[in-house]
Protein backbone atom coordinates (compact mmCIF):
# COMPACT_ATOMS: atom_id res chain seq x y z
CA UNK A 1 166.54 -89.36 152.18
CA UNK A 2 163.17 -91.09 152.51
CA UNK A 3 160.02 -89.90 154.25
CA UNK A 4 157.23 -92.25 155.32
CA UNK A 5 153.56 -91.61 156.04
CA UNK A 6 151.36 -94.32 157.53
CA UNK A 7 147.58 -94.49 157.44
CA UNK A 8 144.79 -96.88 158.32
CA UNK A 9 145.00 -97.25 162.09
CA UNK A 10 142.07 -96.85 164.42
CA UNK A 11 139.69 -98.70 166.71
CA UNK A 12 138.70 -102.23 165.74
CA UNK A 13 136.54 -104.77 167.51
CA UNK A 14 138.06 -108.11 168.43
CA UNK A 15 137.80 -110.50 165.52
CA UNK A 16 137.84 -107.66 163.05
CA UNK A 17 140.33 -106.71 160.38
CA UNK A 18 142.17 -103.67 159.12
CA UNK A 19 144.57 -102.51 156.45
CA UNK A 20 147.53 -100.27 157.11
CA UNK A 21 149.32 -98.43 154.34
CA UNK A 22 152.63 -96.64 154.22
CA UNK A 23 153.73 -94.37 151.41
CA UNK A 24 157.35 -93.45 150.87
CA UNK A 25 158.59 -90.29 149.23
CA UNK A 26 162.01 -88.88 148.52
CA UNK A 27 164.87 -91.09 147.35
CA UNK A 28 162.65 -94.16 146.96
CA UNK A 29 164.74 -95.89 144.31
CA UNK A 30 167.23 -96.86 147.03
CA UNK A 31 164.64 -98.74 149.12
CA UNK A 32 165.25 -102.46 149.59
CA UNK A 33 163.32 -103.98 152.50
CA UNK A 34 160.00 -102.58 153.72
CA UNK A 35 158.56 -103.67 157.04
CA UNK A 36 155.93 -103.18 159.70
CA UNK A 37 156.76 -103.13 163.39
CA UNK A 38 154.57 -102.58 166.42
CA UNK A 39 155.11 -101.40 169.94
CA UNK A 40 152.63 -102.03 172.70
CA UNK A 41 152.71 -99.95 175.93
CA UNK A 42 155.63 -100.98 178.07
CA UNK A 43 156.95 -103.39 175.47
CA UNK A 44 159.80 -103.37 173.01
CA UNK A 45 159.20 -102.67 169.36
CA UNK A 46 158.81 -105.92 167.45
CA UNK A 47 158.74 -106.93 163.83
CA UNK A 48 155.32 -107.85 162.46
CA UNK A 49 156.06 -108.39 158.78
CA UNK A 50 158.82 -107.71 156.29
CA UNK A 51 158.89 -107.78 152.51
CA UNK A 52 162.05 -107.62 150.47
CA UNK A 53 162.57 -105.95 147.14
CA UNK A 54 162.00 -109.31 145.44
CA UNK A 55 158.71 -109.86 147.25
CA UNK A 56 159.91 -112.42 149.80
CA UNK A 57 157.98 -112.02 153.04
CA UNK A 58 158.43 -113.09 156.62
CA UNK A 59 156.11 -112.69 159.59
CA UNK A 60 156.30 -112.67 163.34
CA UNK A 61 155.11 -116.04 164.65
CA UNK A 62 152.01 -114.76 166.45
CA UNK A 63 150.58 -113.18 163.28
CA UNK A 64 151.47 -115.97 160.87
CA UNK A 65 148.36 -116.81 158.85
CA UNK A 66 146.57 -113.67 160.05
CA UNK A 67 148.65 -111.05 158.31
CA UNK A 68 149.64 -110.30 154.76
CA UNK A 69 152.02 -107.66 153.57
CA UNK A 70 152.42 -106.41 150.02
CA UNK A 71 154.28 -103.64 148.24
CA UNK A 72 153.82 -101.66 145.08
CA UNK A 73 156.38 -99.08 143.96
CA UNK A 74 156.57 -96.73 146.94
CA UNK A 75 153.78 -98.21 149.09
CA UNK A 76 153.75 -101.07 151.56
CA UNK A 77 150.53 -102.45 153.00
CA UNK A 78 149.68 -104.66 155.93
CA UNK A 79 146.40 -106.54 156.04
CA UNK A 80 145.45 -108.02 159.38
CA UNK A 81 142.53 -110.31 160.20
CA UNK A 82 141.20 -111.87 163.41
CA UNK A 83 142.54 -109.05 165.53
CA UNK A 84 142.57 -109.42 169.29
CA UNK A 85 143.36 -107.09 172.20
CA UNK A 86 147.03 -108.23 172.24
CA UNK A 87 147.34 -106.62 168.78
CA UNK A 88 146.76 -103.20 170.32
CA UNK A 89 149.90 -101.17 169.64
CA UNK A 90 151.40 -98.36 167.68
CA UNK A 91 152.30 -99.75 164.27
CA UNK A 92 155.35 -98.34 162.51
CA UNK A 93 156.40 -98.61 158.91
CA UNK A 94 160.10 -98.82 158.21
CA UNK A 95 162.24 -99.07 155.13
CA UNK A 96 165.87 -99.89 154.57
CA UNK A 97 167.91 -98.50 151.72
CA UNK A 98 170.88 -99.86 149.83
CA UNK A 99 173.17 -98.25 152.35
CA UNK A 100 171.46 -100.17 155.22
CA UNK A 101 169.97 -96.96 156.62
CA UNK A 102 166.59 -97.51 158.26
CA UNK A 103 163.88 -94.87 158.15
CA UNK A 104 160.81 -94.95 160.40
CA UNK A 105 157.35 -93.56 159.98
CA UNK A 106 155.60 -91.63 162.72
CA UNK A 107 153.44 -94.59 163.72
CA UNK A 108 149.72 -95.22 163.66
CA UNK A 109 147.70 -96.38 166.64
CA UNK A 110 145.71 -99.59 166.40
CA UNK A 111 143.37 -100.33 169.28
CA UNK A 112 141.44 -103.60 169.45
CA UNK A 113 138.48 -103.64 171.81
CA UNK A 114 137.29 -106.85 173.43
């Protein structure tokens, strides 16, 4: 079993940047993919960025070029630049293990003021 703890959310002015981090504990040797999702009020949860165990990344179209994800051992980070009000959401870290089980973090609120 894996547990996830996110950090780094908060209030950011439009045009600003932030860094989110997620630390996994527990049975971390089984982790394959690590990812960041977000969910805005009244919207479905959507993928922001994913990084595989080999380091291959993919990004949601709207954040392409403005987001970078990285991982190191049991931590996955998300760096965002040029934030705008549409980026306001709860950001969730998730990991998948070798058995295809997905674990979610508790979420961290990101609010971008105009």
